[in-house]
Amino acid sequence: MVSDLRIVLLGKNESENSEVGNIILDTTAFQSKALSYSQHLNEKISGQVEKRHITVIKTNLLQPHLPQHQIVKGVRECVSLSAPGPHLIALILQYKDFTKEDMKSVYNVLSLFSKQAIKHTIVVTTDEDSFSSKITSKLWNNVIHNLIKDCGGGHLKFDSKDSGWRSEILKRTEEILKKEHEEFHYFSYEVVK
């Protein structure tokens, strides 16, 4: 068991990112208000949870219209805040508003962390897989499901009322680290160069 765990939250919905971070840390640590672009793109909070020290870095790197230089700066800051680098990236998505542009942004940000980042990523969905249009549903389900297949941590449905959810994401993180046989921070230095 990793005693000092570092998790990055990557999603475009600030309130849901905050809620996931608060459940992981077992406290109301993150506020749901969005930071402006002029402020830091990342917020770091640490705590003692389930007999281990956990650091959660909440990012704003998937915000629409964020310039590439800001994204690069944000990834560098995120790597620094999680030194020597994160163990897991929790990609927080909503079926109802996940677009092709969002998909491009996700792959862009993950590639800035490293080529191996996707293997250390888990897709966390915060809403139901339901749409009014069956065609839209089928199209986006395929897009999200392909993303889930690419991610080393697979998929986890977020449930703030499930007391075992925190334990499940921590267990999945441990499984990723065992499967990959090395910590993510070995790859994170690519963006710092």
C-alpha atoms as a PDB file:
ATOM      1  CA  MET A   1       0.000   0.000   0.000  1.00  0.00           C
ATOM      2  CA  VAL A   2       1.310   3.428  -0.984  1.00  0.00           C
ATOM      3  CA  SER A   3       1.357   5.543   2.179  1.00  0.00           C
ATOM      4  CA  ASP A   4       1.699   8.930   0.434  1.00  0.00           C
ATOM      5  CA  LEU A   5      -0.765   9.055  -2.454  1.00  0.00           C
ATOM      6  CA  ARG A   6      -1.024  11.918  -4.973  1.00  0.00           C
ATOM      7  CA  ILE A   7      -4.182  12.256  -7.087  1.00  0.00           C
ATOM      8  CA  VAL A   8      -4.928  14.848  -9.780  1.00  0.00           C
ATOM      9  CA  LEU A   9      -8.568  15.727 -10.526  1.00  0.00           C
ATOM     10  CA  LEU A  10      -9.109  16.697 -14.156  1.00  0.00           C
ATOM     11  CA  GLY A  11     -12.575  17.828 -15.242  1.00  0.00           C
ATOM     12  CA  LYS A  12     -14.420  20.852 -16.596  1.00  0.00           C
ATOM     13  CA  ASN A  13     -17.182  21.055 -13.961  1.00  0.00           C
ATOM     14  CA  GLU A  14     -15.754  22.818 -10.886  1.00  0.00           C
ATOM     15  CA  SER A  15     -18.470  21.802  -8.449  1.00  0.00           C
ATOM     16  CA  GLU A  16     -18.198  18.130  -9.390  1.00  0.00           C
ATOM     17  CA  ASN A  17     -14.385  18.235  -9.238  1.00  0.00           C
ATOM     18  CA  SER A  18     -14.686  19.731  -5.749  1.00  0.00           C
ATOM     19  CA  GLU A  19     -17.230  17.140  -4.647  1.00  0.00           C
ATOM     20  CA  VAL A  20     -15.040  14.245  -5.823  1.00  0.00           C
ATOM     21  CA  GLY A  21     -11.993  15.781  -4.090  1.00  0.00           C
ATOM     22  CA  ASN A  22     -13.932  16.286  -0.869  1.00  0.00           C
ATOM     23  CA  ILE A  23     -15.116  12.663  -0.848  1.00  0.00           C
ATOM     24  CA  ILE A  24     -11.566  11.401  -1.444  1.00  0.00           C
ATOM     25  CA  LEU A  25     -10.236  13.577   1.399  1.00  0.00           C
ATOM     26  CA  ASP A  26     -13.255  12.820   3.639  1.00  0.00           C
ATOM     27  CA  THR A  27     -13.747  16.513   4.428  1.00  0.00           C
ATOM     28  CA  THR A  28     -15.115  19.690   2.857  1.00  0.00           C
ATOM     29  CA  ALA A  29     -11.772  21.012   1.699  1.00  0.00           C
ATOM     30  CA  PHE A  30     -12.463  22.264  -1.836  1.00  0.00           C
ATOM     31  CA  GLN A  31     -14.939  25.041  -2.595  1.00  0.00           C
ATOM     32  CA  SER A  32     -16.960  24.709  -5.781  1.00  0.00           C
ATOM     33  CA  LYS A  33     -16.295  28.190  -7.164  1.00  0.00           C
ATOM     34  CA  ALA A  34     -14.136  28.345 -10.262  1.00  0.00           C
ATOM     35  CA  LEU A  35     -10.794  30.095 -10.199  1.00  0.00           C
ATOM     36  CA  SER A  36     -10.263  32.761 -12.827  1.00  0.00           C
ATOM     37  CA  TYR A  37      -7.586  32.228 -15.451  1.00  0.00           C
ATOM     38  CA  SER A  38      -5.426  34.873 -13.790  1.00  0.00           C
ATOM     39  CA  GLN A  39      -5.316  32.781 -10.630  1.00  0.00           C
ATOM     40  CA  HIS A  40      -3.511  29.473 -10.271  1.00  0.00           C
ATOM     41  CA  LEU A  41      -4.914  26.702 -12.433  1.00  0.00           C
ATOM     42  CA  ASN A  42      -4.469  24.149  -9.651  1.00  0.00           C
ATOM     43  CA  GLU A  43      -5.448  23.842  -6.011  1.00  0.00           C
ATOM     44  CA  LYS A  44      -3.682  21.397  -3.692  1.00  0.00           C
ATOM     45  CA  ILE A  45      -5.096  20.021  -0.437  1.00  0.00           C
ATOM     46  CA  SER A  46      -3.709  17.149   1.647  1.00  0.00           C
ATOM     47  CA  GLY A  47      -5.080  15.087   4.477  1.00  0.00           C
ATOM     48  CA  GLN A  48      -4.883  11.838   6.406  1.00  0.00           C
ATOM     49  CA  VAL A  49      -7.403   9.283   5.054  1.00  0.00           C
ATOM     50  CA  GLU A  50      -7.651   5.538   5.663  1.00  0.00           C
ATOM     51  CA  LYS A  51      -4.224   5.390   7.351  1.00  0.00           C
ATOM     52  CA  ARG A  52      -2.386   7.191   4.565  1.00  0.00           C
ATOM     53  CA  HIS A  53      -1.458  10.710   3.547  1.00  0.00           C
ATOM     54  CA  ILE A  54      -3.385  11.772   0.443  1.00  0.00           C
ATOM     55  CA  THR A  55      -2.744  14.846  -1.659  1.00  0.00           C
ATOM     56  CA  VAL A  56      -5.438  15.905  -4.117  1.00  0.00           C
ATOM     57  CA  ILE A  57      -4.725  18.498  -6.785  1.00  0.00           C
ATOM     58  CA  LYS A  58      -7.868  19.953  -8.373  1.00  0.00           C
ATOM     59  CA  THR A  59      -7.169  21.391 -11.821  1.00  0.00           C
ATOM     60  CA  ASN A  60      -8.932  23.805 -14.158  1.00  0.00           C
ATOM     61  CA  LEU A  61      -7.086  22.526 -17.224  1.00  0.00           C
ATOM     62  CA  LEU A  62     -10.194  21.474 -19.181  1.00  0.00           C
ATOM     63  CA  GLN A  63     -11.892  24.860 -19.068  1.00  0.00           C
ATOM     64  CA  PRO A  64     -13.183  25.968 -22.481  1.00  0.00           C
ATOM     65  CA  HIS A  65     -11.095  28.526 -24.368  1.00  0.00           C
ATOM     66  CA  LEU A  66      -8.058  28.097 -22.106  1.00  0.00           C
ATOM     67  CA  PRO A  67      -4.999  28.970 -24.244  1.00  0.00           C
ATOM     68  CA  GLN A  68      -2.405  26.241 -24.828  1.00  0.00           C
ATOM     69  CA  HIS A  69       0.364  28.178 -23.047  1.00  0.00           C
ATOM     70  CA  GLN A  70      -1.870  28.369 -19.932  1.00  0.00           C
ATOM     71  CA  ILE A  71      -2.515  24.618 -20.139  1.00  0.00           C
ATOM     72  CA  VAL A  72       1.222  23.880 -20.390  1.00  0.00           C
ATOM     73  CA  LYS A  73       1.881  26.193 -17.436  1.00  0.00           C
ATOM     74  CA  GLY A  74      -0.903  24.484 -15.468  1.00  0.00           C
ATOM     75  CA  VAL A  75       0.457  20.991 -16.149  1.00  0.00           C
ATOM     76  CA  ARG A  76       3.940  22.081 -15.027  1.00  0.00           C
ATOM     77  CA  GLU A  77       2.468  23.559 -11.855  1.00  0.00           C
ATOM     78  CA  CYS A  78       0.450  20.386 -11.275  1.00  0.00           C
ATOM     79  CA  VAL A  79       3.563  18.198 -11.588  1.00  0.00           C
ATOM     80  CA  SER A  80       5.372  20.500  -9.166  1.00  0.00           C
ATOM     81  CA  LEU A  81       2.489  20.432  -6.657  1.00  0.00           C
ATOM     82  CA  SER A  82       2.431  16.639  -6.793  1.00  0.00           C
ATOM     83  CA  ALA A  83       6.233  16.231  -6.674  1.00  0.00           C
ATOM     84  CA  PRO A  84       7.707  13.972  -7.668  1.00  0.00           C
ATOM     85  CA  GLY A  85       4.493  13.526  -9.714  1.00  0.00           C
ATOM     86  CA  PRO A  86       0.958  12.166  -9.418  1.00  0.00           C
ATOM     87  CA  HIS A  87       0.094   8.502  -8.952  1.00  0.00           C
ATOM     88  CA  LEU A  88      -3.341   8.871 -10.543  1.00  0.00           C
ATOM     89  CA  ILE A  89      -5.318  11.243 -12.737  1.00  0.00           C
ATOM     90  CA  ALA A  90      -9.052  11.067 -12.061  1.00  0.00           C
ATOM     91  CA  LEU A  91     -10.788  12.270 -15.210  1.00  0.00           C
ATOM     92  CA  ILE A  92     -14.186  13.562 -14.061  1.00  0.00           C
ATOM     93  CA  LEU A  93     -16.748  13.501 -16.887  1.00  0.00           C
ATOM     94  CA  GLN A  94     -20.447  14.006 -17.430  1.00  0.00           C
ATOM     95  CA  TYR A  95     -22.165  12.026 -20.182  1.00  0.00           C
ATOM     96  CA  LYS A  96     -24.653  14.844 -20.732  1.00  0.00           C
ATOM     97  CA  ASP A  97     -22.128  17.446 -21.880  1.00  0.00           C
ATOM     98  CA  PHE A  98     -19.043  15.602 -23.106  1.00  0.00           C
ATOM     99  CA  THR A  99     -18.177  16.927 -26.586  1.00  0.00           C
ATOM    100  CA  LYS A 100     -15.628  16.181 -29.299  1.00  0.00           C
ATOM    101  CA  GLU A 101     -13.769  19.308 -28.186  1.00  0.00           C
ATOM    102  CA  ASP A 102     -13.679  17.939 -24.634  1.00  0.00           C
ATOM    103  CA  MET A 103     -12.191  14.691 -25.962  1.00  0.00           C
ATOM    104  CA  LYS A 104      -9.461  16.621 -27.786  1.00  0.00           C
ATOM    105  CA  SER A 105      -8.753  18.641 -24.643  1.00  0.00           C
ATOM    106  CA  VAL A 106      -8.498  15.497 -22.507  1.00  0.00           C
ATOM    107  CA  TYR A 107      -5.950  13.868 -24.821  1.00  0.00           C
ATOM    108  CA  ASN A 108      -4.033  17.153 -25.135  1.00  0.00           C
ATOM    109  CA  VAL A 109      -3.701  17.599 -21.366  1.00  0.00           C
ATOM    110  CA  LEU A 110      -2.827  13.941 -20.749  1.00  0.00           C
ATOM    111  CA  SER A 111      -0.157  14.053 -23.474  1.00  0.00           C
ATOM    112  CA  LEU A 112       1.408  17.076 -21.770  1.00  0.00           C
ATOM    113  CA  PHE A 113       1.820  15.018 -18.594  1.00  0.00           C
ATOM    114  CA  SER A 114       3.434  12.185 -20.580  1.00  0.00           C
ATOM    115  CA  LYS A 115       2.874   9.437 -23.121  1.00  0.00           C
ATOM    116  CA  GLN A 116       2.147   7.082 -20.221  1.00  0.00           C
ATOM    117  CA  ALA A 117      -0.366   9.321 -18.413  1.00  0.00           C
ATOM    118  CA  ILE A 118      -3.420   7.557 -19.823  1.00  0.00           C
ATOM    119  CA  LYS A 119      -2.307   4.306 -18.167  1.00  0.00           C
ATOM    120  CA  HIS A 120      -2.523   6.111 -14.813  1.00  0.00           C
ATOM    121  CA  THR A 121      -5.955   7.608 -15.509  1.00  0.00           C
ATOM    122  CA  ILE A 122      -9.407   6.535 -14.347  1.00  0.00           C
ATOM    123  CA  VAL A 123     -12.638   7.903 -15.833  1.00  0.00           C
ATOM    124  CA  VAL A 124     -15.065   8.986 -13.116  1.00  0.00           C
ATOM    125  CA  THR A 125     -18.580   9.750 -14.367  1.00  0.00           C
ATOM    126  CA  THR A 126     -20.847  11.872 -12.213  1.00  0.00           C
ATOM    127  CA  ASP A 127     -24.127  11.518 -14.089  1.00  0.00           C
ATOM    128  CA  GLU A 128     -26.227   8.788 -15.657  1.00  0.00           C
ATOM    129  CA  ASP A 129     -25.559   7.395 -19.103  1.00  0.00           C
ATOM    130  CA  SER A 130     -28.894   8.674 -20.439  1.00  0.00           C
ATOM    131  CA  PHE A 131     -29.895  10.980 -23.263  1.00  0.00           C
ATOM    132  CA  SER A 132     -33.123  12.044 -24.923  1.00  0.00           C
ATOM    133  CA  SER A 133     -31.696  11.260 -28.361  1.00  0.00           C
ATOM    134  CA  LYS A 134     -30.747   7.638 -29.015  1.00  0.00           C
ATOM    135  CA  ILE A 135     -28.398   8.668 -31.848  1.00  0.00           C
ATOM    136  CA  THR A 136     -26.552  11.147 -29.622  1.00  0.00           C
ATOM    137  CA  SER A 137     -26.463   8.586 -26.834  1.00  0.00           C
ATOM    138  CA  LYS A 138     -24.936   5.916 -29.061  1.00  0.00           C
ATOM    139  CA  LEU A 139     -22.343   8.317 -30.509  1.00  0.00           C
ATOM    140  CA  TRP A 140     -21.183   9.747 -27.173  1.00  0.00           C
ATOM    141  CA  ASN A 141     -21.369   6.444 -25.356  1.00  0.00           C
ATOM    142  CA  ASN A 142     -18.913   5.089 -27.928  1.00  0.00           C
ATOM    143  CA  VAL A 143     -16.623   8.105 -27.503  1.00  0.00           C
ATOM    144  CA  ILE A 144     -16.615   7.859 -23.711  1.00  0.00           C
ATOM    145  CA  HIS A 145     -16.386   4.062 -23.724  1.00  0.00           C
ATOM    146  CA  ASN A 146     -13.369   4.200 -26.061  1.00  0.00           C
ATOM    147  CA  LEU A 147     -11.746   6.670 -23.681  1.00  0.00           C
ATOM    148  CA  ILE A 148     -12.493   4.328 -20.777  1.00  0.00           C
ATOM    149  CA  LYS A 149     -10.835   1.445 -22.678  1.00  0.00           C
ATOM    150  CA  ASP A 150      -7.706   3.576 -23.156  1.00  0.00           C
ATOM    151  CA  CYS A 151      -7.467   4.458 -19.467  1.00  0.00           C
ATOM    152  CA  GLY A 152      -5.513   2.070 -17.243  1.00  0.00           C
ATOM    153  CA  GLY A 153      -7.948   2.550 -14.371  1.00  0.00           C
ATOM    154  CA  GLY A 154     -11.084   1.974 -16.416  1.00  0.00           C
ATOM    155  CA  HIS A 155     -14.327   3.537 -15.209  1.00  0.00           C
ATOM    156  CA  LEU A 156     -15.820   4.313 -11.828  1.00  0.00           C
ATOM    157  CA  LYS A 157     -19.300   5.772 -11.331  1.00  0.00           C
ATOM    158  CA  PHE A 158     -19.181   8.516  -8.701  1.00  0.00           C
ATOM    159  CA  ASP A 159     -21.646   8.129  -5.850  1.00  0.00           C
ATOM    160  CA  SER A 160     -21.298  10.607  -2.994  1.00  0.00           C
ATOM    161  CA  LYS A 161     -23.773   8.590  -0.908  1.00  0.00           C
ATOM    162  CA  ASP A 162     -21.794   5.343  -1.180  1.00  0.00           C
ATOM    163  CA  SER A 163     -19.464   5.107   1.813  1.00  0.00           C
ATOM    164  CA  GLY A 164     -17.279   2.605  -0.066  1.00  0.00           C
ATOM    165  CA  TRP A 165     -16.609   4.843  -3.063  1.00  0.00           C
ATOM    166  CA  ARG A 166     -13.452   6.397  -1.566  1.00  0.00           C
ATOM    167  CA  SER A 167     -12.034   2.967  -0.765  1.00  0.00           C
ATOM    168  CA  GLU A 168     -12.789   1.832  -4.319  1.00  0.00           C
ATOM    169  CA  ILE A 169     -10.877   4.675  -6.000  1.00  0.00           C
ATOM    170  CA  LEU A 170      -7.931   4.126  -3.637  1.00  0.00           C
ATOM    171  CA  LYS A 171      -8.018   0.390  -4.424  1.00  0.00           C
ATOM    172  CA  ARG A 172      -8.066   1.123  -8.161  1.00  0.00           C
ATOM    173  CA  THR A 173      -5.060   3.420  -7.742  1.00  0.00           C
ATOM    174  CA  GLU A 174      -3.137   0.623  -6.020  1.00  0.00           C
ATOM    175  CA  GLU A 175      -4.096  -1.772  -8.840  1.00  0.00           C
ATOM    176  CA  ILE A 176      -2.816   0.655 -11.478  1.00  0.00           C
ATOM    177  CA  LEU A 177       0.490   1.051  -9.648  1.00  0.00           C
ATOM    178  CA  LYS A 178       0.910  -2.729  -9.366  1.00  0.00           C
ATOM    179  CA  LYS A 179      -0.020  -3.276 -13.008  1.00  0.00           C
ATOM    180  CA  GLU A 180       2.312  -0.593 -14.311  1.00  0.00           C
ATOM    181  CA  HIS A 181       5.112  -1.654 -11.923  1.00  0.00           C
ATOM    182  CA  GLU A 182       6.262   1.903 -11.529  1.00  0.00           C
ATOM    183  CA  GLU A 183       4.950   5.165 -10.219  1.00  0.00           C
ATOM    184  CA  PHE A 184       3.626   7.803 -12.574  1.00  0.00           C
ATOM    185  CA  HIS A 185       6.197  10.356 -11.448  1.00  0.00           C
ATOM    186  CA  TYR A 186       8.850   8.637 -13.552  1.00  0.00           C
ATOM    187  CA  PHE A 187       6.978   9.904 -16.603  1.00  0.00           C
ATOM    188  CA  SER A 188       5.944  13.335 -15.375  1.00  0.00           C
ATOM    189  CA  TYR A 189       9.297  14.990 -15.990  1.00  0.00           C
ATOM    190  CA  GLU A 190       8.638  15.196 -19.754  1.00  0.00           C
ATOM    191  CA  VAL A 191       6.553  18.352 -19.333  1.00  0.00           C
ATOM    192  CA  VAL A 192       9.045  20.032 -16.994  1.00  0.00           C
ATOM    193  CA  LYS A 193      11.820  20.067 -19.614  1.00  0.00           C
END
